[in-house]
């Protein structure tokens, strides 16, 4: 009976519309500078508390980071986003549900004048963090 439960769980993960995860795929976090002004955005991120990347985005630029998460831990990515050192906000850019099934998720972040917007790509981005 245990094998049947595992099989059904994996099948549910693969059914379209139940999430944006793809079994075995890389996770993707994307940042876009959509500021109206020509201000530079500085993004510093950590994945599972390890320094990961620092990137500077000009207006209209996009940065994509893809990764396979750790298998045994709940994967999380925290980022400090700064607008030319005037405004800043810490965000949780990615959080997996569990290490074992943390595959193929996509998080899109859009940096705008009033804050940071989020979507998985299927819906219109919504304001998640204010400056």
C-alpha atoms as a PDB file:
ATOM      1  CA  UNK A   1       0.000   0.000   0.000  1.00  0.00           C
ATOM      2  CA  UNK A   2       2.913   2.353   0.683  1.00  0.00           C
ATOM      3  CA  UNK A   3       4.131   2.086  -2.907  1.00  0.00           C
ATOM      4  CA  UNK A   4       0.690   3.039  -4.180  1.00  0.00           C
ATOM      5  CA  UNK A   5       0.679   6.147  -1.971  1.00  0.00           C
ATOM      6  CA  UNK A   6       4.066   7.267  -3.309  1.00  0.00           C
ATOM      7  CA  UNK A   7       2.942   6.661  -6.876  1.00  0.00           C
ATOM      8  CA  UNK A   8      -0.263   8.692  -6.403  1.00  0.00           C
ATOM      9  CA  UNK A   9       1.683  11.533  -4.769  1.00  0.00           C
ATOM     10  CA  UNK A  10       4.104  11.744  -7.707  1.00  0.00           C
ATOM     11  CA  UNK A  11       1.193  11.655 -10.168  1.00  0.00           C
ATOM     12  CA  UNK A  12      -0.487  14.579  -8.381  1.00  0.00           C
ATOM     13  CA  UNK A  13       2.725  16.581  -8.704  1.00  0.00           C
ATOM     14  CA  UNK A  14       2.737  16.019 -12.455  1.00  0.00           C
ATOM     15  CA  UNK A  15      -0.888  17.035 -13.099  1.00  0.00           C
ATOM     16  CA  UNK A  16      -0.983  20.409 -14.908  1.00  0.00           C
ATOM     17  CA  UNK A  17      -2.540  23.271 -12.986  1.00  0.00           C
ATOM     18  CA  UNK A  18      -1.698  22.013  -9.498  1.00  0.00           C
ATOM     19  CA  UNK A  19       1.487  24.046  -9.356  1.00  0.00           C
ATOM     20  CA  UNK A  20       4.292  25.311 -11.508  1.00  0.00           C
ATOM     21  CA  UNK A  21       6.816  22.672 -10.461  1.00  0.00           C
ATOM     22  CA  UNK A  22       8.365  20.291 -12.996  1.00  0.00           C
ATOM     23  CA  UNK A  23       9.668  17.044 -11.585  1.00  0.00           C
ATOM     24  CA  UNK A  24      13.475  16.994 -11.805  1.00  0.00           C
ATOM     25  CA  UNK A  25      13.728  20.467 -13.355  1.00  0.00           C
ATOM     26  CA  UNK A  26      15.787  23.389 -12.134  1.00  0.00           C
ATOM     27  CA  UNK A  27      14.210  26.131 -10.057  1.00  0.00           C
ATOM     28  CA  UNK A  28      14.291  29.634 -11.569  1.00  0.00           C
ATOM     29  CA  UNK A  29      14.260  33.016  -9.867  1.00  0.00           C
ATOM     30  CA  UNK A  30      14.011  36.027 -12.186  1.00  0.00           C
ATOM     31  CA  UNK A  31      14.405  39.714 -11.325  1.00  0.00           C
ATOM     32  CA  UNK A  32      13.412  42.603 -13.602  1.00  0.00           C
ATOM     33  CA  UNK A  33      14.144  46.303 -13.106  1.00  0.00           C
ATOM     34  CA  UNK A  34      10.898  48.022 -14.167  1.00  0.00           C
ATOM     35  CA  UNK A  35      11.610  51.370 -12.529  1.00  0.00           C
ATOM     36  CA  UNK A  36      10.419  54.348 -14.562  1.00  0.00           C
ATOM     37  CA  UNK A  37      13.520  56.324 -13.656  1.00  0.00           C
ATOM     38  CA  UNK A  38      16.966  55.248 -14.814  1.00  0.00           C
ATOM     39  CA  UNK A  39      17.974  54.130 -11.322  1.00  0.00           C
ATOM     40  CA  UNK A  40      20.306  51.199 -10.822  1.00  0.00           C
ATOM     41  CA  UNK A  41      19.118  48.236  -8.729  1.00  0.00           C
ATOM     42  CA  UNK A  42      21.560  46.253  -6.578  1.00  0.00           C
ATOM     43  CA  UNK A  43      20.487  42.704  -5.675  1.00  0.00           C
ATOM     44  CA  UNK A  44      22.374  40.529  -3.171  1.00  0.00           C
ATOM     45  CA  UNK A  45      21.016  37.001  -2.609  1.00  0.00           C
ATOM     46  CA  UNK A  46      21.747  34.027  -0.387  1.00  0.00           C
ATOM     47  CA  UNK A  47      20.529  30.489  -1.014  1.00  0.00           C
ATOM     48  CA  UNK A  48      20.268  28.428   2.179  1.00  0.00           C
ATOM     49  CA  UNK A  49      22.344  31.082   4.010  1.00  0.00           C
ATOM     50  CA  UNK A  50      25.272  30.865   1.576  1.00  0.00           C
ATOM     51  CA  UNK A  51      26.384  33.910  -0.429  1.00  0.00           C
ATOM     52  CA  UNK A  52      25.115  33.358  -3.939  1.00  0.00           C
ATOM     53  CA  UNK A  53      25.276  36.424  -6.157  1.00  0.00           C
ATOM     54  CA  UNK A  54      25.409  40.185  -6.351  1.00  0.00           C
ATOM     55  CA  UNK A  55      23.992  41.786  -9.481  1.00  0.00           C
ATOM     56  CA  UNK A  56      23.336  45.324 -10.699  1.00  0.00           C
ATOM     57  CA  UNK A  57      20.386  45.895 -13.028  1.00  0.00           C
ATOM     58  CA  UNK A  58      19.779  48.928 -15.203  1.00  0.00           C
ATOM     59  CA  UNK A  59      16.252  49.938 -16.178  1.00  0.00           C
ATOM     60  CA  UNK A  60      14.649  47.199 -18.289  1.00  0.00           C
ATOM     61  CA  UNK A  61      17.310  44.576 -17.538  1.00  0.00           C
ATOM     62  CA  UNK A  62      16.441  41.053 -16.401  1.00  0.00           C
ATOM     63  CA  UNK A  63      18.564  38.667 -14.345  1.00  0.00           C
ATOM     64  CA  UNK A  64      17.771  34.944 -14.183  1.00  0.00           C
ATOM     65  CA  UNK A  65      19.230  32.471 -11.727  1.00  0.00           C
ATOM     66  CA  UNK A  66      18.462  28.756 -12.001  1.00  0.00           C
ATOM     67  CA  UNK A  67      19.465  26.066  -9.539  1.00  0.00           C
ATOM     68  CA  UNK A  68      18.812  22.586  -8.238  1.00  0.00           C
ATOM     69  CA  UNK A  69      17.942  22.832  -4.565  1.00  0.00           C
ATOM     70  CA  UNK A  70      19.426  20.731  -1.827  1.00  0.00           C
ATOM     71  CA  UNK A  71      17.648  17.406  -1.497  1.00  0.00           C
ATOM     72  CA  UNK A  72      17.333  17.104   2.272  1.00  0.00           C
ATOM     73  CA  UNK A  73      16.542  20.680   3.337  1.00  0.00           C
ATOM     74  CA  UNK A  74      13.771  23.156   2.625  1.00  0.00           C
ATOM     75  CA  UNK A  75      15.429  25.511   0.139  1.00  0.00           C
ATOM     76  CA  UNK A  76      15.103  29.258   0.630  1.00  0.00           C
ATOM     77  CA  UNK A  77      16.583  32.286  -1.078  1.00  0.00           C
ATOM     78  CA  UNK A  78      16.699  35.641   0.716  1.00  0.00           C
ATOM     79  CA  UNK A  79      17.607  38.810  -1.168  1.00  0.00           C
ATOM     80  CA  UNK A  80      18.433  42.397  -0.307  1.00  0.00           C
ATOM     81  CA  UNK A  81      17.166  44.683  -3.090  1.00  0.00           C
ATOM     82  CA  UNK A  82      18.441  48.284  -3.108  1.00  0.00           C
ATOM     83  CA  UNK A  83      17.532  51.208  -5.310  1.00  0.00           C
ATOM     84  CA  UNK A  84      20.799  53.166  -5.675  1.00  0.00           C
ATOM     85  CA  UNK A  85      21.262  52.839  -1.906  1.00  0.00           C
ATOM     86  CA  UNK A  86      18.227  55.088  -1.304  1.00  0.00           C
ATOM     87  CA  UNK A  87      15.578  52.459  -0.593  1.00  0.00           C
ATOM     88  CA  UNK A  88      16.013  48.819   0.293  1.00  0.00           C
ATOM     89  CA  UNK A  89      13.954  45.777   1.221  1.00  0.00           C
ATOM     90  CA  UNK A  90      14.732  42.180   2.201  1.00  0.00           C
ATOM     91  CA  UNK A  91      12.573  39.626   0.444  1.00  0.00           C
ATOM     92  CA  UNK A  92      12.127  35.864   0.505  1.00  0.00           C
ATOM     93  CA  UNK A  93      12.666  35.347  -3.230  1.00  0.00           C
ATOM     94  CA  UNK A  94      12.225  31.578  -3.101  1.00  0.00           C
ATOM     95  CA  UNK A  95      11.030  28.993  -0.602  1.00  0.00           C
ATOM     96  CA  UNK A  96      10.526  25.377  -1.465  1.00  0.00           C
ATOM     97  CA  UNK A  97       7.995  23.164   0.209  1.00  0.00           C
ATOM     98  CA  UNK A  98      10.540  20.418   0.892  1.00  0.00           C
ATOM     99  CA  UNK A  99      13.978  19.485  -0.340  1.00  0.00           C
ATOM    100  CA  UNK A 100      12.977  16.219  -2.003  1.00  0.00           C
ATOM    101  CA  UNK A 101      10.231  17.722  -4.177  1.00  0.00           C
ATOM    102  CA  UNK A 102      11.835  21.107  -4.791  1.00  0.00           C
ATOM    103  CA  UNK A 103      12.132  20.987  -8.593  1.00  0.00           C
ATOM    104  CA  UNK A 104      11.168  23.197 -11.515  1.00  0.00           C
ATOM    105  CA  UNK A 105       9.513  26.072  -9.639  1.00  0.00           C
ATOM    106  CA  UNK A 106       9.612  29.550 -11.194  1.00  0.00           C
ATOM    107  CA  UNK A 107       9.430  32.840  -9.281  1.00  0.00           C
ATOM    108  CA  UNK A 108       9.273  36.148 -11.169  1.00  0.00           C
ATOM    109  CA  UNK A 109      10.100  39.380  -9.317  1.00  0.00           C
ATOM    110  CA  UNK A 110       9.355  42.769 -10.864  1.00  0.00           C
ATOM    111  CA  UNK A 111      10.969  45.800  -9.207  1.00  0.00           C
ATOM    112  CA  UNK A 112       8.770  48.896  -9.516  1.00  0.00           C
ATOM    113  CA  UNK A 113       8.487  52.393  -8.050  1.00  0.00           C
ATOM    114  CA  UNK A 114       6.138  51.384  -5.217  1.00  0.00           C
ATOM    115  CA  UNK A 115       7.703  48.022  -4.376  1.00  0.00           C
ATOM    116  CA  UNK A 116       8.499  44.491  -5.456  1.00  0.00           C
ATOM    117  CA  UNK A 117       5.875  42.486  -7.373  1.00  0.00           C
ATOM    118  CA  UNK A 118       5.629  38.701  -7.598  1.00  0.00           C
ATOM    119  CA  UNK A 119       4.109  36.037  -9.836  1.00  0.00           C
ATOM    120  CA  UNK A 120       4.735  32.423 -10.821  1.00  0.00           C
ATOM    121  CA  UNK A 121       4.073  33.476 -14.424  1.00  0.00           C
ATOM    122  CA  UNK A 122       0.459  32.386 -14.731  1.00  0.00           C
ATOM    123  CA  UNK A 123      -1.141  35.377 -13.005  1.00  0.00           C
ATOM    124  CA  UNK A 124      -0.700  39.146 -13.095  1.00  0.00           C
ATOM    125  CA  UNK A 125       2.137  40.173 -10.711  1.00  0.00           C
ATOM    126  CA  UNK A 126       0.954  41.364  -7.293  1.00  0.00           C
ATOM    127  CA  UNK A 127       2.666  43.733  -4.865  1.00  0.00           C
ATOM    128  CA  UNK A 128       4.441  41.593  -2.239  1.00  0.00           C
ATOM    129  CA  UNK A 129       6.899  44.014  -0.632  1.00  0.00           C
ATOM    130  CA  UNK A 130       6.793  47.820  -0.308  1.00  0.00           C
ATOM    131  CA  UNK A 131       9.944  49.912  -0.208  1.00  0.00           C
END
